Structure formats: C-alpha cells, structure tokens
Amino acid sequence: MQQTEEDRSGTSIIKQGSVSTGFYVLEKGPVEVHKDDIMLNVLMYSGTVFGEFGDILGKPRTCSVKARATITVIKYDDGDMENVICECPEIAIKIFKTLASCLERTTKKLADVKRFSTRGR
C-alpha cells in the first residue's frame, strides 16, 4: 500500500534504530540522512528511494532521515518488499540504482581513506 505524505522542515521521517515499516520515494524537496547524529548526505532528486535498507535486511533502521524543507514523499508501507516489487517493478529499478549509488560512494570514500592513510607513512 502506498500513500503520499507532506512534511515540513525539521520533521523526522525515519529514526535510526526504529523498526522498519516500509520505504519512501522522494517526490519533492530535500531530506537529510544522519547516522549517529552525523549528516552523511542530502537527498533532493525526485524518484530517490530511501528507507529501503531495513526492509531488505529485515533489520532496524540504519540511519535517521529528516525533512530539510517542505517535502513530499510516497511511503510504501506494506512492509513486504517482495510484494511491492511484484506489483510495481519500476520500484525495483529505483532501489537497484539507489543501492548501486550508495555502494559506489562508499567504495570511493574507502579508497580515499586508504589513499590518505598511506601518504603519511
């Protein structure tokens, strides 16, 4: 089941550590992604998926997400990602692209850290 939500700046959309119940697709406006109170990213492109890790892994939320301005999101609240993907295969493509982008950024950051740490030797 999907529903459209509108939230104001500063509103918490996802709380780190909470039980995962669905995921979101950003329609309009920016959101901030925080891990342990450190801002990791700002998502602002329409169609960006967030909150999917918990559903995919069956674990609590890995990050907090809050509205940076007034935002509009679509919440897929079914809690059963397999059914959502079967009913809306285009969501699977968005999720794959989101996960690939996260992996690419993480890999780059790890390489940068490794490069930096070996310079001082």
C-alpha atoms as a PDB file:
ATOM      1  CA  MET A   1       0.000   0.000   0.000  1.00  0.00           C
ATOM      2  CA  GLN A   2       1.293   3.451  -0.855  1.00  0.00           C
ATOM      3  CA  GLN A   3       0.366   6.868   0.468  1.00  0.00           C
ATOM      4  CA  THR A   4       1.562  10.382  -0.244  1.00  0.00           C
ATOM      5  CA  GLU A   5       2.826  12.401   2.716  1.00  0.00           C
ATOM      6  CA  GLU A   6       3.879  16.020   3.036  1.00  0.00           C
ATOM      7  CA  ASP A   7       6.216  17.062   5.836  1.00  0.00           C
ATOM      8  CA  ARG A   8       7.671  20.376   6.982  1.00  0.00           C
ATOM      9  CA  SER A   9      11.297  21.302   7.526  1.00  0.00           C
ATOM     10  CA  GLY A  10      12.816  19.545  10.551  1.00  0.00           C
ATOM     11  CA  THR A  11      10.247  16.749  10.615  1.00  0.00           C
ATOM     12  CA  SER A  12      11.748  13.324  11.340  1.00  0.00           C
ATOM     13  CA  ILE A  13      10.753  10.841   8.633  1.00  0.00           C
ATOM     14  CA  ILE A  14      12.835   7.878   9.848  1.00  0.00           C
ATOM     15  CA  LYS A  15      14.568   7.371  13.205  1.00  0.00           C
ATOM     16  CA  GLN A  16      17.786   5.370  13.374  1.00  0.00           C
ATOM     17  CA  GLY A  17      17.260   2.104  15.262  1.00  0.00           C
ATOM     18  CA  SER A  18      13.486   2.037  14.827  1.00  0.00           C
ATOM     19  CA  VAL A  19      11.676  -0.965  13.371  1.00  0.00           C
ATOM     20  CA  SER A  20      11.465  -0.798   9.594  1.00  0.00           C
ATOM     21  CA  THR A  21       7.948  -0.458   8.233  1.00  0.00           C
ATOM     22  CA  GLY A  22       8.176   0.400   4.582  1.00  0.00           C
ATOM     23  CA  PHE A  23      10.281   2.724   2.479  1.00  0.00           C
ATOM     24  CA  TYR A  24       9.923   6.086   0.739  1.00  0.00           C
ATOM     25  CA  VAL A  25      10.258   7.649  -2.690  1.00  0.00           C
ATOM     26  CA  LEU A  26      11.112  11.344  -2.648  1.00  0.00           C
ATOM     27  CA  GLU A  27       8.791  13.397  -4.831  1.00  0.00           C
ATOM     28  CA  LYS A  28       9.742  16.964  -3.939  1.00  0.00           C
ATOM     29  CA  GLY A  29      12.152  18.730  -1.597  1.00  0.00           C
ATOM     30  CA  PRO A  30      15.380  17.754   0.181  1.00  0.00           C
ATOM     31  CA  VAL A  31      15.904  15.349   3.085  1.00  0.00           C
ATOM     32  CA  GLU A  32      18.992  14.906   5.281  1.00  0.00           C
ATOM     33  CA  VAL A  33      20.401  11.467   6.105  1.00  0.00           C
ATOM     34  CA  HIS A  34      22.089  11.161   9.523  1.00  0.00           C
ATOM     35  CA  LYS A  35      23.984   8.305  11.158  1.00  0.00           C
ATOM     36  CA  ASP A  36      24.809   8.707  14.855  1.00  0.00           C
ATOM     37  CA  ASP A  37      23.994  12.448  14.585  1.00  0.00           C
ATOM     38  CA  ILE A  38      26.473  12.934  11.716  1.00  0.00           C
ATOM     39  CA  MET A  39      24.940  14.187   8.469  1.00  0.00           C
ATOM     40  CA  LEU A  40      26.007  11.836   5.679  1.00  0.00           C
ATOM     41  CA  ASN A  41      24.016  13.033   2.716  1.00  0.00           C
ATOM     42  CA  VAL A  42      21.289  15.302   1.380  1.00  0.00           C
ATOM     43  CA  LEU A  43      18.833  13.626  -0.982  1.00  0.00           C
ATOM     44  CA  MET A  44      16.979  16.014  -3.272  1.00  0.00           C
ATOM     45  CA  TYR A  45      16.202  14.341  -6.578  1.00  0.00           C
ATOM     46  CA  SER A  46      12.657  13.282  -7.371  1.00  0.00           C
ATOM     47  CA  GLY A  47      12.428   9.492  -7.540  1.00  0.00           C
ATOM     48  CA  THR A  48      15.178   8.863  -4.958  1.00  0.00           C
ATOM     49  CA  VAL A  49      14.368   5.860  -2.757  1.00  0.00           C
ATOM     50  CA  PHE A  50      15.254   5.892   0.950  1.00  0.00           C
ATOM     51  CA  GLY A  51      14.499   3.742   3.972  1.00  0.00           C
ATOM     52  CA  GLU A  52      14.770   0.537   1.951  1.00  0.00           C
ATOM     53  CA  PHE A  53      17.757  -0.996   3.793  1.00  0.00           C
ATOM     54  CA  GLY A  54      15.700  -2.014   6.823  1.00  0.00           C
ATOM     55  CA  ASP A  55      13.101  -3.791   4.699  1.00  0.00           C
ATOM     56  CA  ILE A  56      15.699  -5.517   2.547  1.00  0.00           C
ATOM     57  CA  LEU A  57      17.824  -6.665   5.500  1.00  0.00           C
ATOM     58  CA  GLY A  58      14.986  -7.233   7.966  1.00  0.00           C
ATOM     59  CA  LYS A  59      16.832  -5.068  10.500  1.00  0.00           C
ATOM     60  CA  PRO A  60      16.171  -1.795  12.351  1.00  0.00           C
ATOM     61  CA  ARG A  61      16.715   1.492  10.517  1.00  0.00           C
ATOM     62  CA  THR A  62      20.399   2.183   9.856  1.00  0.00           C
ATOM     63  CA  CYS A  63      20.055   5.994   9.621  1.00  0.00           C
ATOM     64  CA  SER A  64      17.741   8.838  10.529  1.00  0.00           C
ATOM     65  CA  VAL A  65      16.137  10.941   7.790  1.00  0.00           C
ATOM     66  CA  LYS A  66      14.556  14.343   8.289  1.00  0.00           C
ATOM     67  CA  ALA A  67      12.998  16.949   6.045  1.00  0.00           C
ATOM     68  CA  ARG A  68      15.321  19.818   5.208  1.00  0.00           C
ATOM     69  CA  ALA A  69      12.456  21.910   3.779  1.00  0.00           C
ATOM     70  CA  THR A  70       8.840  21.155   2.943  1.00  0.00           C
ATOM     71  CA  ILE A  71       8.875  17.778   1.209  1.00  0.00           C
ATOM     72  CA  THR A  72       6.515  15.366  -0.486  1.00  0.00           C
ATOM     73  CA  VAL A  73       7.193  11.623  -0.333  1.00  0.00           C
ATOM     74  CA  ILE A  74       5.379   8.461  -1.275  1.00  0.00           C
ATOM     75  CA  LYS A  75       5.512   5.899   1.506  1.00  0.00           C
ATOM     76  CA  TYR A  76       5.328   2.238   0.573  1.00  0.00           C
ATOM     77  CA  ASP A  77       4.079   0.944   3.847  1.00  0.00           C
ATOM     78  CA  ASP A  78       3.315  -2.650   3.010  1.00  0.00           C
ATOM     79  CA  GLY A  79       6.338  -3.981   4.887  1.00  0.00           C
ATOM     80  CA  ASP A  80       6.628  -6.752   2.308  1.00  0.00           C
ATOM     81  CA  MET A  81       9.081  -5.518  -0.280  1.00  0.00           C
ATOM     82  CA  GLU A  82       8.694  -8.599  -2.483  1.00  0.00           C
ATOM     83  CA  ASN A  83       5.003  -7.883  -2.998  1.00  0.00           C
ATOM     84  CA  VAL A  84       5.670  -4.208  -3.711  1.00  0.00           C
ATOM     85  CA  ILE A  85       8.311  -5.136  -6.308  1.00  0.00           C
ATOM     86  CA  CYS A  86       5.983  -7.655  -7.964  1.00  0.00           C
ATOM     87  CA  GLU A  87       3.173  -5.096  -8.121  1.00  0.00           C
ATOM     88  CA  CYS A  88       5.435  -2.159  -9.144  1.00  0.00           C
ATOM     89  CA  PRO A  89       8.560  -3.450 -10.945  1.00  0.00           C
ATOM     90  CA  GLU A  90       9.710   0.125 -11.627  1.00  0.00           C
ATOM     91  CA  ILE A  91      10.328   0.437  -7.869  1.00  0.00           C
ATOM     92  CA  ALA A  92      12.884  -2.394  -8.134  1.00  0.00           C
ATOM     93  CA  ILE A  93      14.856  -0.400 -10.711  1.00  0.00           C
ATOM     94  CA  LYS A  94      14.858   2.676  -8.420  1.00  0.00           C
ATOM     95  CA  ILE A  95      16.023   0.539  -5.486  1.00  0.00           C
ATOM     96  CA  PHE A  96      18.807  -1.070  -7.559  1.00  0.00           C
ATOM     97  CA  LYS A  97      20.021   2.349  -8.704  1.00  0.00           C
ATOM     98  CA  THR A  98      19.920   3.699  -5.140  1.00  0.00           C
ATOM     99  CA  LEU A  99      21.865   0.728  -3.756  1.00  0.00           C
ATOM    100  CA  ALA A 100      24.433   0.904  -6.571  1.00  0.00           C
ATOM    101  CA  SER A 101      24.911   4.628  -5.947  1.00  0.00           C
ATOM    102  CA  CYS A 102      25.415   4.037  -2.204  1.00  0.00           C
ATOM    103  CA  LEU A 103      27.939   1.301  -2.901  1.00  0.00           C
ATOM    104  CA  GLU A 104      29.804   3.495  -5.386  1.00  0.00           C
ATOM    105  CA  ARG A 105      30.034   6.393  -2.875  1.00  0.00           C
ATOM    106  CA  THR A 106      31.143   4.067  -0.066  1.00  0.00           C
ATOM    107  CA  THR A 107      33.797   2.444  -2.249  1.00  0.00           C
ATOM    108  CA  LYS A 108      35.139   5.865  -3.259  1.00  0.00           C
ATOM    109  CA  LYS A 109      35.266   7.022   0.372  1.00  0.00           C
ATOM    110  CA  LEU A 110      37.089   3.851   1.427  1.00  0.00           C
ATOM    111  CA  ALA A 111      39.628   4.310  -1.371  1.00  0.00           C
ATOM    112  CA  ASP A 112      40.109   7.971  -0.360  1.00  0.00           C
ATOM    113  CA  VAL A 113      40.673   6.974   3.289  1.00  0.00           C
ATOM    114  CA  LYS A 114      43.144   4.279   2.263  1.00  0.00           C
ATOM    115  CA  ARG A 115      44.990   6.700  -0.040  1.00  0.00           C
ATOM    116  CA  PHE A 116      45.138   9.330   2.726  1.00  0.00           C
ATOM    117  CA  SER A 117      46.294   6.858   5.400  1.00  0.00           C
ATOM    118  CA  THR A 118      49.155   5.520   3.274  1.00  0.00           C
ATOM    119  CA  ARG A 119      50.534   9.005   2.431  1.00  0.00           C
ATOM    120  CA  GLY A 120      51.728   9.624   5.972  1.00  0.00           C
ATOM    121  CA  ARG A 121      53.962   6.562   6.127  1.00  0.00           C
END
